[in-house]
């Protein structure tokens, strides 16, 4: 190729590159699992569980949260990780109870990351505090899920709970919007920090 032709091609390439976007060679940023692959699903009869779901979503940086009754099989099975919350059964949570025992057993949950939260009343239901969360934990464990976010039982005042596992831990975040509502938001923030440390996100 003649020198003049080579110079012409070089000039053309330089002109094209002048309008190309400047990059620093770093890989293109992608959305993290924290925002892209984690779903918060809850069931709420009195609104308390929804309130705690909002605290959790805010602590996690603005995740969406939705009623579990509206969830599709594709949304549950397709999520990278799930944060699932349940109210106490004693508030008339029949729809939520049906989802847990009728729908959940049919889903493919093997190996999925899951964190559980529950809301109860330590005074009115002191012998059954957050039992629904404990039942949820048992069923998810039986489905082969990897459970994250166990928490200490310190700071609570109740007689018994199905949510207690390994002797002295709750199976997830437990809140009492009736008697300890002033602690719920802080507990949610601490829990999300713990989940990050555990590699949930």
N, C-alpha and C. Protein backbone atom coordinates (compact mmCIF):
# COMPACT_ATOMS: atom_id res chain seq x y z
N UNK A 1 0.85 -1.20 0.00
CA UNK A 1 0.00 0.00 0.00
C UNK A 1 0.89 1.25 0.00
N UNK A 2 0.53 2.26 -0.81
CA UNK A 2 1.31 3.47 -0.89
C UNK A 2 1.22 4.26 0.40
N UNK A 3 2.28 5.06 0.66
CA UNK A 3 2.34 5.86 1.88
C UNK A 3 1.17 6.82 1.97
N UNK A 4 0.79 7.40 0.84
CA UNK A 4 -0.32 8.36 0.85
C UNK A 4 -1.63 7.69 1.26
N UNK A 5 -1.84 6.44 0.83
CA UNK A 5 -3.05 5.70 1.18
C UNK A 5 -3.06 5.37 2.66
N UNK A 6 -1.91 4.99 3.20
CA UNK A 6 -1.81 4.67 4.63
C UNK A 6 -2.12 5.89 5.48
N UNK A 7 -1.58 7.04 5.07
CA UNK A 7 -1.83 8.27 5.82
C UNK A 7 -3.31 8.64 5.78
N UNK A 8 -3.96 8.38 4.65
CA UNK A 8 -5.38 8.68 4.53
C UNK A 8 -6.21 7.82 5.47
N UNK A 9 -5.88 6.52 5.55
CA UNK A 9 -6.61 5.62 6.44
C UNK A 9 -6.39 6.01 7.89
N UNK A 10 -5.17 6.38 8.24
CA UNK A 10 -4.87 6.80 9.62
C UNK A 10 -5.67 8.03 9.99
N UNK A 11 -5.75 8.98 9.08
CA UNK A 11 -6.50 10.21 9.34
C UNK A 11 -7.97 9.91 9.52
N UNK A 12 -8.52 8.98 8.72
CA UNK A 12 -9.93 8.62 8.83
C UNK A 12 -10.22 7.97 10.17
N UNK A 13 -9.33 7.07 10.61
CA UNK A 13 -9.52 6.39 11.89
C UNK A 13 -9.45 7.37 13.04
N UNK A 14 -8.51 8.30 12.96
CA UNK A 14 -8.36 9.30 14.03
C UNK A 14 -9.59 10.17 14.11
N UNK A 15 -10.15 10.51 12.94
CA UNK A 15 -11.36 11.35 12.92
C UNK A 15 -12.52 10.63 13.56
N UNK A 16 -12.68 9.33 13.29
CA UNK A 16 -13.78 8.55 13.86
C UNK A 16 -13.63 8.43 15.36
N UNK A 17 -12.39 8.21 15.84
CA UNK A 17 -12.16 8.05 17.27
C UNK A 17 -12.40 9.34 18.03
N UNK A 18 -12.31 10.45 17.34
CA UNK A 18 -12.52 11.73 18.01
C UNK A 18 -13.94 11.87 18.52
N UNK A 19 -14.87 11.13 17.89
CA UNK A 19 -16.27 11.21 18.29
C UNK A 19 -16.70 10.01 19.11
N UNK A 20 -15.80 9.10 19.39
CA UNK A 20 -16.12 7.91 20.19
C UNK A 20 -16.13 8.28 21.66
N UNK A 21 -16.96 7.62 22.48
CA UNK A 21 -16.99 7.91 23.92
C UNK A 21 -15.67 7.55 24.57
N UNK A 22 -15.27 8.35 25.54
CA UNK A 22 -14.02 8.12 26.25
C UNK A 22 -14.28 7.17 27.41
N UNK A 23 -13.49 6.13 27.52
CA UNK A 23 -13.63 5.17 28.62
C UNK A 23 -12.28 5.02 29.30
N UNK A 24 -12.32 4.54 30.53
CA UNK A 24 -11.08 4.35 31.28
C UNK A 24 -10.64 2.90 31.31
N UNK A 25 -11.30 2.07 30.50
CA UNK A 25 -10.92 0.68 30.43
C UNK A 25 -11.57 -0.18 31.50
N UNK A 26 -12.32 0.42 32.43
CA UNK A 26 -12.99 -0.33 33.49
C UNK A 26 -14.21 -1.03 32.93
N UNK A 27 -14.59 -2.19 33.49
CA UNK A 27 -15.79 -2.88 33.01
C UNK A 27 -17.03 -2.05 33.25
N UNK A 28 -18.00 -2.21 32.39
CA UNK A 28 -19.25 -1.47 32.51
C UNK A 28 -19.97 -1.85 33.80
N UNK A 29 -20.48 -0.86 34.51
CA UNK A 29 -21.17 -1.11 35.77
C UNK A 29 -22.46 -1.88 35.54
N UNK A 30 -22.76 -2.79 36.43
CA UNK A 30 -24.00 -3.54 36.35
C UNK A 30 -24.75 -3.40 37.66
N UNK A 31 -26.05 -3.65 37.61
CA UNK A 31 -26.84 -3.55 38.83
C UNK A 31 -26.47 -4.68 39.77
N UNK A 32 -26.49 -4.41 41.04
CA UNK A 32 -26.14 -5.42 42.03
C UNK A 32 -27.35 -6.23 42.41
N UNK A 33 -27.12 -7.36 43.07
CA UNK A 33 -28.22 -8.19 43.53
C UNK A 33 -29.09 -7.44 44.52
N UNK A 34 -28.48 -6.47 45.21
CA UNK A 34 -29.23 -5.72 46.21
C UNK A 34 -30.43 -5.03 45.57
N UNK A 35 -30.26 -4.56 44.34
CA UNK A 35 -31.35 -3.85 43.68
C UNK A 35 -32.00 -4.67 42.57
N UNK A 36 -31.29 -5.64 42.02
CA UNK A 36 -31.80 -6.31 40.84
C UNK A 36 -32.38 -7.69 41.04
N UNK A 37 -31.98 -8.42 42.08
CA UNK A 37 -32.40 -9.80 42.16
C UNK A 37 -32.99 -10.23 43.47
N UNK A 38 -33.27 -9.28 44.36
CA UNK A 38 -33.82 -9.61 45.67
C UNK A 38 -35.26 -9.12 45.75
N UNK A 39 -36.16 -10.01 46.14
CA UNK A 39 -37.55 -9.62 46.29
C UNK A 39 -37.96 -9.65 47.75
N UNK A 40 -38.71 -8.63 48.18
CA UNK A 40 -39.28 -8.61 49.52
C UNK A 40 -40.77 -8.91 49.39
N UNK A 41 -41.18 -9.98 50.02
CA UNK A 41 -42.59 -10.38 49.98
C UNK A 41 -43.10 -10.52 51.40
N UNK A 42 -44.29 -10.05 51.64
CA UNK A 42 -44.83 -10.07 52.99
C UNK A 42 -46.33 -10.37 52.94
N UNK A 43 -46.87 -10.70 54.06
CA UNK A 43 -48.32 -10.79 54.22
C UNK A 43 -48.68 -10.01 55.47
N UNK A 44 -49.77 -9.27 55.40
CA UNK A 44 -50.12 -8.39 56.51
C UNK A 44 -51.63 -8.30 56.65
N UNK A 45 -52.11 -8.47 57.87
CA UNK A 45 -53.54 -8.38 58.14
C UNK A 45 -53.92 -7.04 58.76
N UNK A 46 -53.05 -6.52 59.62
CA UNK A 46 -53.35 -5.26 60.31
C UNK A 46 -52.48 -4.11 59.82
N UNK A 47 -51.51 -4.39 58.95
CA UNK A 47 -50.62 -3.35 58.45
C UNK A 47 -49.26 -3.34 59.11
N UNK A 48 -49.11 -4.07 60.21
CA UNK A 48 -47.83 -4.06 60.93
C UNK A 48 -46.70 -4.70 60.14
N UNK A 49 -47.00 -5.81 59.48
CA UNK A 49 -45.96 -6.49 58.71
C UNK A 49 -45.54 -5.65 57.50
N UNK A 50 -46.50 -4.95 56.92
CA UNK A 50 -46.17 -4.05 55.81
C UNK A 50 -45.27 -2.91 56.28
N UNK A 51 -45.52 -2.41 57.48
CA UNK A 51 -44.68 -1.36 58.04
C UNK A 51 -43.24 -1.83 58.18
N UNK A 52 -43.06 -3.04 58.70
CA UNK A 52 -41.71 -3.59 58.87
C UNK A 52 -41.08 -3.87 57.50
N UNK A 53 -41.87 -4.32 56.54
CA UNK A 53 -41.35 -4.53 55.19
C UNK A 53 -40.81 -3.23 54.62
N UNK A 54 -41.48 -2.13 54.92
CA UNK A 54 -41.03 -0.82 54.45
C UNK A 54 -39.70 -0.44 55.11
N UNK A 55 -39.57 -0.72 56.41
CA UNK A 55 -38.30 -0.46 57.10
C UNK A 55 -37.16 -1.25 56.46
N UNK A 56 -37.43 -2.51 56.17
CA UNK A 56 -36.41 -3.38 55.57
C UNK A 56 -36.03 -2.88 54.18
N UNK A 57 -37.03 -2.53 53.39
CA UNK A 57 -36.78 -2.05 52.03
C UNK A 57 -35.95 -0.78 52.04
N UNK A 58 -36.26 0.12 52.96
CA UNK A 58 -35.51 1.38 53.06
C UNK A 58 -34.07 1.13 53.49
N UNK A 59 -33.90 0.23 54.46
CA UNK A 59 -32.55 -0.08 54.94
C UNK A 59 -31.70 -0.73 53.86
N UNK A 60 -32.36 -1.43 52.93
CA UNK A 60 -31.65 -2.11 51.85
C UNK A 60 -31.41 -1.20 50.65
N UNK A 61 -31.77 0.06 50.77
CA UNK A 61 -31.49 1.00 49.70
C UNK A 61 -32.63 1.26 48.75
N UNK A 62 -33.85 0.89 49.16
CA UNK A 62 -35.00 1.19 48.33
C UNK A 62 -35.53 0.04 47.51
N UNK A 63 -35.48 -1.16 48.05
CA UNK A 63 -36.04 -2.31 47.34
C UNK A 63 -37.56 -2.22 47.29
N UNK A 64 -38.15 -2.86 46.28
CA UNK A 64 -39.60 -2.96 46.21
C UNK A 64 -40.08 -4.03 47.19
N UNK A 65 -41.28 -3.86 47.69
CA UNK A 65 -41.88 -4.91 48.51
C UNK A 65 -43.33 -5.07 48.10
N UNK A 66 -43.79 -6.33 48.12
CA UNK A 66 -45.11 -6.65 47.59
C UNK A 66 -45.81 -7.70 48.45
N UNK A 67 -47.13 -7.70 48.36
CA UNK A 67 -47.94 -8.67 49.08
C UNK A 67 -47.72 -10.06 48.49
N UNK A 68 -47.45 -11.03 49.33
CA UNK A 68 -47.17 -12.38 48.87
C UNK A 68 -48.35 -12.99 48.13
N UNK A 69 -49.56 -12.50 48.44
CA UNK A 69 -50.74 -13.01 47.76
C UNK A 69 -50.78 -12.66 46.29
N UNK A 70 -50.01 -11.64 45.88
CA UNK A 70 -49.96 -11.22 44.49
C UNK A 70 -48.79 -11.84 43.73
N UNK A 71 -47.98 -12.62 44.41
CA UNK A 71 -46.77 -13.17 43.79
C UNK A 71 -47.11 -14.27 42.79
N UNK A 72 -46.37 -14.30 41.69
CA UNK A 72 -46.50 -15.38 40.72
C UNK A 72 -45.38 -16.40 40.96
N UNK A 73 -45.58 -17.58 40.44
CA UNK A 73 -44.56 -18.62 40.56
C UNK A 73 -43.25 -18.15 39.94
N UNK A 74 -43.33 -17.46 38.80
CA UNK A 74 -42.13 -16.99 38.11
C UNK A 74 -41.36 -15.98 38.96
N UNK A 75 -42.08 -15.10 39.66
CA UNK A 75 -41.41 -14.09 40.49
C UNK A 75 -40.69 -14.71 41.67
N UNK A 76 -41.31 -15.70 42.28
CA UNK A 76 -40.70 -16.34 43.45
C UNK A 76 -39.53 -17.22 43.04
N UNK A 77 -39.75 -18.08 42.05
CA UNK A 77 -38.71 -19.01 41.64
C UNK A 77 -37.57 -18.30 40.89
N UNK A 78 -37.87 -17.17 40.25
CA UNK A 78 -36.87 -16.48 39.45
C UNK A 78 -35.98 -15.52 40.21
N UNK A 79 -36.34 -15.19 41.44
CA UNK A 79 -35.55 -14.24 42.23
C UNK A 79 -34.23 -14.87 42.66
N UNK A 80 -33.18 -14.05 42.72
CA UNK A 80 -31.89 -14.53 43.23
C UNK A 80 -31.97 -14.82 44.72
N UNK A 81 -32.73 -14.00 45.42
CA UNK A 81 -32.88 -14.15 46.87
C UNK A 81 -34.22 -13.56 47.28
N UNK A 82 -34.74 -14.05 48.39
CA UNK A 82 -36.06 -13.62 48.87
C UNK A 82 -36.00 -13.22 50.33
N UNK A 83 -36.67 -12.14 50.66
CA UNK A 83 -36.92 -11.76 52.04
C UNK A 83 -38.42 -11.90 52.23
N UNK A 84 -38.83 -12.81 53.11
CA UNK A 84 -40.24 -13.14 53.24
C UNK A 84 -40.71 -12.91 54.67
N UNK A 85 -41.85 -12.22 54.80
CA UNK A 85 -42.37 -11.89 56.13
C UNK A 85 -43.77 -12.40 56.36
N UNK A 86 -44.06 -12.72 57.61
CA UNK A 86 -45.38 -13.24 57.97
C UNK A 86 -45.89 -12.58 59.24
N UNK A 87 -47.21 -12.36 59.32
CA UNK A 87 -47.82 -11.84 60.55
C UNK A 87 -48.18 -13.00 61.47
N UNK A 88 -48.67 -12.68 62.64
CA UNK A 88 -49.16 -13.73 63.52
C UNK A 88 -50.47 -14.28 62.99
N UNK A 89 -50.66 -15.59 63.10
CA UNK A 89 -51.90 -16.20 62.61
C UNK A 89 -53.12 -15.73 63.40
N UNK A 90 -52.91 -15.28 64.61
CA UNK A 90 -54.04 -14.95 65.48
C UNK A 90 -54.74 -13.66 65.10
N UNK A 91 -54.30 -13.01 64.01
CA UNK A 91 -54.96 -11.79 63.55
C UNK A 91 -55.90 -12.06 62.39
N UNK A 92 -56.21 -13.33 62.15
CA UNK A 92 -57.11 -13.68 61.06
C UNK A 92 -56.44 -13.73 59.71
N UNK A 93 -55.18 -14.10 59.68
CA UNK A 93 -54.40 -14.10 58.43
C UNK A 93 -54.65 -15.38 57.64
N UNK A 94 -55.90 -15.61 57.25
CA UNK A 94 -56.25 -16.85 56.58
C UNK A 94 -55.62 -16.96 55.19
N UNK A 95 -55.63 -15.85 54.44
CA UNK A 95 -55.07 -15.87 53.09
C UNK A 95 -53.58 -16.18 53.13
N UNK A 96 -52.88 -15.58 54.08
CA UNK A 96 -51.45 -15.81 54.19
C UNK A 96 -51.16 -17.25 54.61
N UNK A 97 -51.99 -17.76 55.52
CA UNK A 97 -51.84 -19.13 55.98
C UNK A 97 -52.02 -20.10 54.82
N UNK A 98 -53.01 -19.81 53.96
CA UNK A 98 -53.27 -20.68 52.81
C UNK A 98 -52.10 -20.67 51.84
N UNK A 99 -51.50 -19.47 51.62
CA UNK A 99 -50.36 -19.40 50.70
C UNK A 99 -49.21 -20.24 51.22
N UNK A 100 -48.97 -20.16 52.52
CA UNK A 100 -47.85 -20.88 53.12
C UNK A 100 -48.00 -22.38 52.98
N UNK A 101 -49.21 -22.87 53.20
CA UNK A 101 -49.40 -24.32 53.24
C UNK A 101 -49.92 -24.91 51.94
N UNK A 102 -50.50 -24.07 51.06
CA UNK A 102 -51.04 -24.59 49.80
C UNK A 102 -50.14 -24.28 48.60
N UNK A 103 -49.56 -23.08 48.57
CA UNK A 103 -48.78 -22.66 47.40
C UNK A 103 -47.29 -22.96 47.55
N UNK A 104 -46.72 -22.61 48.69
CA UNK A 104 -45.28 -22.77 48.88
C UNK A 104 -44.79 -24.20 48.63
N UNK A 105 -45.50 -25.23 49.09
CA UNK A 105 -44.99 -26.59 48.88
C UNK A 105 -44.82 -26.97 47.41
N UNK A 106 -45.51 -26.28 46.50
CA UNK A 106 -45.43 -26.63 45.08
C UNK A 106 -44.31 -25.90 44.35
N UNK A 107 -43.64 -24.95 45.01
CA UNK A 107 -42.62 -24.15 44.35
C UNK A 107 -41.25 -24.82 44.40
N UNK A 108 -40.44 -24.54 43.39
CA UNK A 108 -39.06 -25.03 43.34
C UNK A 108 -38.16 -24.01 44.03
N UNK A 109 -37.71 -24.31 45.23
CA UNK A 109 -36.94 -23.36 46.04
C UNK A 109 -35.56 -23.89 46.40
N UNK A 110 -35.17 -25.00 45.85
CA UNK A 110 -33.91 -25.65 46.21
C UNK A 110 -32.72 -24.71 46.03
N UNK A 111 -31.96 -24.50 47.13
CA UNK A 111 -30.75 -23.70 47.08
C UNK A 111 -30.95 -22.20 47.07
N UNK A 112 -32.17 -21.74 47.13
CA UNK A 112 -32.43 -20.29 47.06
C UNK A 112 -32.09 -19.62 48.39
N UNK A 113 -31.49 -18.43 48.29
CA UNK A 113 -31.21 -17.64 49.48
C UNK A 113 -32.51 -17.03 50.00
N UNK A 114 -32.76 -17.23 51.29
CA UNK A 114 -33.99 -16.70 51.89
C UNK A 114 -33.69 -16.13 53.27
N UNK A 115 -34.31 -15.02 53.58
CA UNK A 115 -34.27 -14.45 54.92
C UNK A 115 -35.71 -14.23 55.37
N UNK A 116 -35.99 -14.54 56.62
CA UNK A 116 -37.36 -14.51 57.15
C UNK A 116 -37.50 -13.37 58.16
N UNK A 117 -38.65 -12.69 58.11
CA UNK A 117 -38.98 -11.76 59.18
C UNK A 117 -40.42 -11.98 59.62
N UNK A 118 -40.68 -11.67 60.87
CA UNK A 118 -42.01 -11.87 61.42
C UNK A 118 -42.41 -10.72 62.31
N UNK A 119 -43.71 -10.56 62.49
CA UNK A 119 -44.25 -9.51 63.35
C UNK A 119 -45.28 -10.14 64.27
N UNK A 120 -45.16 -9.86 65.57
CA UNK A 120 -46.09 -10.43 66.53
C UNK A 120 -46.32 -9.49 67.71
N UNK A 121 -47.05 -9.99 68.68
CA UNK A 121 -47.42 -9.23 69.88
C UNK A 121 -46.98 -10.04 71.10
N UNK A 122 -45.93 -9.60 71.77
CA UNK A 122 -45.36 -10.36 72.88
C UNK A 122 -46.26 -10.40 74.10
N UNK A 123 -47.15 -9.44 74.26
CA UNK A 123 -48.02 -9.40 75.43
C UNK A 123 -49.31 -10.18 75.21
N UNK A 124 -49.98 -9.91 74.11
CA UNK A 124 -51.26 -10.59 73.85
C UNK A 124 -51.08 -12.05 73.48
N UNK A 125 -49.97 -12.36 72.80
CA UNK A 125 -49.71 -13.74 72.37
C UNK A 125 -48.34 -14.17 72.85
N UNK A 126 -48.14 -14.06 74.14
CA UNK A 126 -46.81 -14.31 74.72
C UNK A 126 -46.34 -15.75 74.55
N UNK A 127 -47.28 -16.69 74.38
CA UNK A 127 -46.91 -18.09 74.18
C UNK A 127 -46.79 -18.46 72.70
N UNK A 128 -47.10 -17.52 71.83
CA UNK A 128 -47.08 -17.81 70.39
C UNK A 128 -46.43 -16.69 69.59
N UNK A 129 -45.47 -16.00 70.19
CA UNK A 129 -44.87 -14.84 69.54
C UNK A 129 -44.21 -15.21 68.21
N UNK A 130 -44.69 -14.62 67.14
CA UNK A 130 -44.13 -14.82 65.79
C UNK A 130 -44.08 -16.29 65.38
N UNK A 131 -45.06 -17.07 65.84
CA UNK A 131 -45.09 -18.49 65.46
C UNK A 131 -45.14 -18.68 63.95
N UNK A 132 -45.86 -17.79 63.25
CA UNK A 132 -45.98 -17.93 61.80
C UNK A 132 -44.63 -17.85 61.11
N UNK A 133 -43.75 -16.99 61.61
CA UNK A 133 -42.40 -16.89 61.04
C UNK A 133 -41.64 -18.19 61.26
N UNK A 134 -41.84 -18.81 62.41
CA UNK A 134 -41.20 -20.09 62.68
C UNK A 134 -41.69 -21.18 61.75
N UNK A 135 -42.99 -21.20 61.48
CA UNK A 135 -43.55 -22.18 60.56
C UNK A 135 -43.03 -21.92 59.14
N UNK A 136 -42.93 -20.65 58.78
CA UNK A 136 -42.39 -20.29 57.47
C UNK A 136 -40.95 -20.77 57.34
N UNK A 137 -40.16 -20.56 58.37
CA UNK A 137 -38.76 -21.01 58.39
C UNK A 137 -38.69 -22.52 58.20
N UNK A 138 -39.52 -23.26 58.91
CA UNK A 138 -39.50 -24.72 58.82
C UNK A 138 -39.81 -25.20 57.40
N UNK A 139 -40.83 -24.60 56.78
CA UNK A 139 -41.21 -25.02 55.44
C UNK A 139 -40.15 -24.64 54.40
N UNK A 140 -39.58 -23.45 54.54
CA UNK A 140 -38.54 -23.03 53.60
C UNK A 140 -37.29 -23.90 53.75
N UNK A 141 -36.95 -24.25 54.98
CA UNK A 141 -35.81 -25.14 55.21
C UNK A 141 -36.05 -26.50 54.57
N UNK A 142 -37.28 -27.00 54.72
CA UNK A 142 -37.63 -28.29 54.14
C UNK A 142 -37.60 -28.26 52.62
N UNK A 143 -37.79 -27.08 52.03
CA UNK A 143 -37.74 -26.94 50.58
C UNK A 143 -36.31 -26.81 50.06
N UNK A 144 -35.33 -26.84 50.96
CA UNK A 144 -33.94 -26.77 50.55
C UNK A 144 -33.37 -25.38 50.42
N UNK A 145 -34.06 -24.40 51.00
CA UNK A 145 -33.57 -23.02 50.94
C UNK A 145 -32.38 -22.83 51.88
N UNK A 146 -31.53 -21.87 51.55
CA UNK A 146 -30.43 -21.47 52.43
C UNK A 146 -30.90 -20.28 53.24
N UNK A 147 -31.05 -20.45 54.54
CA UNK A 147 -31.63 -19.42 55.39
C UNK A 147 -30.53 -18.52 55.96
N UNK A 148 -30.71 -17.24 55.83
CA UNK A 148 -29.77 -16.24 56.34
C UNK A 148 -30.45 -15.38 57.41
N UNK A 149 -29.62 -14.70 58.20
CA UNK A 149 -30.14 -13.66 59.07
C UNK A 149 -30.74 -14.09 60.40
N UNK A 150 -30.24 -15.16 61.01
CA UNK A 150 -30.70 -15.50 62.36
C UNK A 150 -30.30 -14.39 63.32
N UNK A 151 -31.14 -14.13 64.32
CA UNK A 151 -30.88 -13.02 65.23
C UNK A 151 -30.99 -13.45 66.69
N UNK A 152 -30.49 -12.62 67.57
CA UNK A 152 -30.52 -12.90 69.01
C UNK A 152 -31.93 -12.69 69.57
N UNK A 153 -32.25 -13.46 70.60
CA UNK A 153 -33.54 -13.30 71.28
C UNK A 153 -33.46 -12.28 72.42
N UNK A 154 -32.29 -11.72 72.65
CA UNK A 154 -32.14 -10.74 73.72
C UNK A 154 -32.94 -9.47 73.41
N UNK A 155 -33.54 -8.91 74.47
CA UNK A 155 -34.31 -7.69 74.30
C UNK A 155 -35.78 -7.92 74.05
N UNK A 156 -36.20 -9.18 74.05
CA UNK A 156 -37.61 -9.52 73.85
C UNK A 156 -38.18 -10.06 75.15
N UNK A 157 -39.51 -10.00 75.29
CA UNK A 157 -40.16 -10.43 76.52
C UNK A 157 -41.41 -11.25 76.19
N UNK A 158 -41.22 -12.55 76.01
CA UNK A 158 -42.32 -13.45 75.71
C UNK A 158 -42.03 -14.80 76.34
N UNK A 159 -43.03 -15.67 76.35
CA UNK A 159 -42.87 -16.97 77.00
C UNK A 159 -42.38 -18.05 76.04
N UNK A 160 -42.92 -18.08 74.83
CA UNK A 160 -42.57 -19.14 73.90
C UNK A 160 -42.75 -18.66 72.46
N UNK A 161 -42.03 -19.31 71.54
CA UNK A 161 -42.14 -18.94 70.13
C UNK A 161 -41.60 -20.05 69.25
N UNK A 162 -42.34 -20.39 68.20
CA UNK A 162 -41.85 -21.34 67.21
C UNK A 162 -40.73 -20.74 66.36
N UNK A 163 -40.55 -19.43 66.47
CA UNK A 163 -39.52 -18.75 65.68
C UNK A 163 -38.13 -18.93 66.27
N UNK A 164 -38.03 -19.53 67.45
CA UNK A 164 -36.73 -19.75 68.07
C UNK A 164 -36.11 -21.04 67.54
N UNK A 165 -34.88 -20.93 67.04
CA UNK A 165 -34.16 -22.08 66.50
C UNK A 165 -32.78 -22.14 67.14
N UNK A 166 -32.17 -23.28 67.06
CA UNK A 166 -30.82 -23.48 67.61
C UNK A 166 -30.74 -23.08 69.08
N UNK A 167 -31.85 -23.18 69.77
CA UNK A 167 -31.86 -22.96 71.21
C UNK A 167 -32.05 -21.54 71.67
N UNK A 168 -31.34 -20.59 71.05
CA UNK A 168 -31.38 -19.22 71.56
C UNK A 168 -31.36 -18.16 70.47
N UNK A 169 -31.82 -18.52 69.28
CA UNK A 169 -31.84 -17.55 68.18
C UNK A 169 -33.21 -17.53 67.52
N UNK A 170 -33.57 -16.35 67.02
CA UNK A 170 -34.75 -16.26 66.17
C UNK A 170 -34.35 -16.66 64.75
N UNK A 171 -35.30 -17.19 64.01
CA UNK A 171 -35.04 -17.64 62.64
C UNK A 171 -34.89 -16.49 61.65
N UNK A 172 -34.95 -15.27 62.14
CA UNK A 172 -34.81 -14.08 61.30
C UNK A 172 -35.07 -12.84 62.13
N UNK A 173 -35.52 -11.79 61.49
CA UNK A 173 -35.86 -10.54 62.18
C UNK A 173 -37.26 -10.64 62.75
N UNK A 174 -37.40 -10.45 64.06
CA UNK A 174 -38.71 -10.46 64.70
C UNK A 174 -38.99 -9.07 65.28
N UNK A 175 -40.17 -8.55 64.99
CA UNK A 175 -40.55 -7.22 65.46
C UNK A 175 -41.90 -7.27 66.16
N UNK A 176 -42.09 -6.34 67.07
CA UNK A 176 -43.34 -6.21 67.81
C UNK A 176 -43.81 -4.77 67.67
N UNK A 177 -44.71 -4.53 66.72
CA UNK A 177 -45.20 -3.19 66.45
C UNK A 177 -46.23 -2.72 67.47
N UNK A 178 -46.64 -3.61 68.36
CA UNK A 178 -47.60 -3.23 69.41
C UNK A 178 -46.90 -2.74 70.67
N UNK A 179 -45.81 -3.39 71.03
CA UNK A 179 -45.16 -3.10 72.30
C UNK A 179 -43.74 -2.55 72.17
N UNK A 180 -43.10 -2.77 71.03
CA UNK A 180 -41.73 -2.29 70.83
C UNK A 180 -41.58 -1.62 69.46
N UNK A 181 -42.60 -0.88 69.07
CA UNK A 181 -42.60 -0.25 67.75
C UNK A 181 -41.42 0.70 67.55
N UNK A 182 -40.94 1.28 68.65
CA UNK A 182 -39.83 2.23 68.56
C UNK A 182 -38.50 1.55 68.25
N UNK A 183 -38.46 0.22 68.32
CA UNK A 183 -37.22 -0.52 68.05
C UNK A 183 -37.19 -1.13 66.65
N UNK A 184 -38.32 -1.17 65.98
CA UNK A 184 -38.42 -1.93 64.73
C UNK A 184 -37.52 -1.40 63.63
N UNK A 185 -37.50 -0.10 63.42
CA UNK A 185 -36.71 0.44 62.32
C UNK A 185 -35.22 0.19 62.54
N UNK A 186 -34.75 0.39 63.76
CA UNK A 186 -33.35 0.14 64.07
C UNK A 186 -33.00 -1.33 63.93
N UNK A 187 -33.92 -2.20 64.34
CA UNK A 187 -33.68 -3.64 64.18
C UNK A 187 -33.59 -4.01 62.71
N UNK A 188 -34.43 -3.40 61.89
CA UNK A 188 -34.39 -3.68 60.45
C UNK A 188 -33.07 -3.23 59.84
N UNK A 189 -32.59 -2.08 60.25
CA UNK A 189 -31.31 -1.58 59.73
C UNK A 189 -30.15 -2.49 60.13
N UNK A 190 -30.15 -2.93 61.38
CA UNK A 190 -29.10 -3.83 61.84
C UNK A 190 -29.16 -5.17 61.12
N UNK A 191 -30.36 -5.63 60.85
CA UNK A 191 -30.55 -6.91 60.18
C UNK A 191 -30.03 -6.87 58.74
N UNK A 192 -30.34 -5.80 58.04
CA UNK A 192 -29.86 -5.66 56.67
C UNK A 192 -28.34 -5.61 56.64
N UNK A 193 -27.74 -4.91 57.60
CA UNK A 193 -26.28 -4.88 57.69
C UNK A 193 -25.73 -6.28 57.92
N UNK A 194 -26.41 -7.06 58.76
CA UNK A 194 -26.00 -8.43 59.02
C UNK A 194 -26.10 -9.28 57.76
N UNK A 195 -27.20 -9.13 57.02
CA UNK A 195 -27.39 -9.90 55.79
C UNK A 195 -26.29 -9.59 54.77
N UNK A 196 -25.90 -8.33 54.70
CA UNK A 196 -24.80 -7.96 53.79
C UNK A 196 -23.51 -8.66 54.21
N UNK A 197 -23.24 -8.67 55.51
CA UNK A 197 -22.03 -9.32 56.02
C UNK A 197 -22.05 -10.82 55.75
N UNK A 198 -23.23 -11.42 55.77
CA UNK A 198 -23.35 -12.86 55.56
C UNK A 198 -23.31 -13.25 54.08
N UNK A 199 -23.29 -12.25 53.20
CA UNK A 199 -23.24 -12.55 51.78
C UNK A 199 -24.58 -12.81 51.14
N UNK A 200 -25.64 -12.38 51.81
CA UNK A 200 -26.98 -12.58 51.26
C UNK A 200 -27.18 -11.76 50.00
N UNK A 201 -26.68 -10.52 50.01
CA UNK A 201 -26.83 -9.62 48.86
C UNK A 201 -25.63 -9.77 47.92
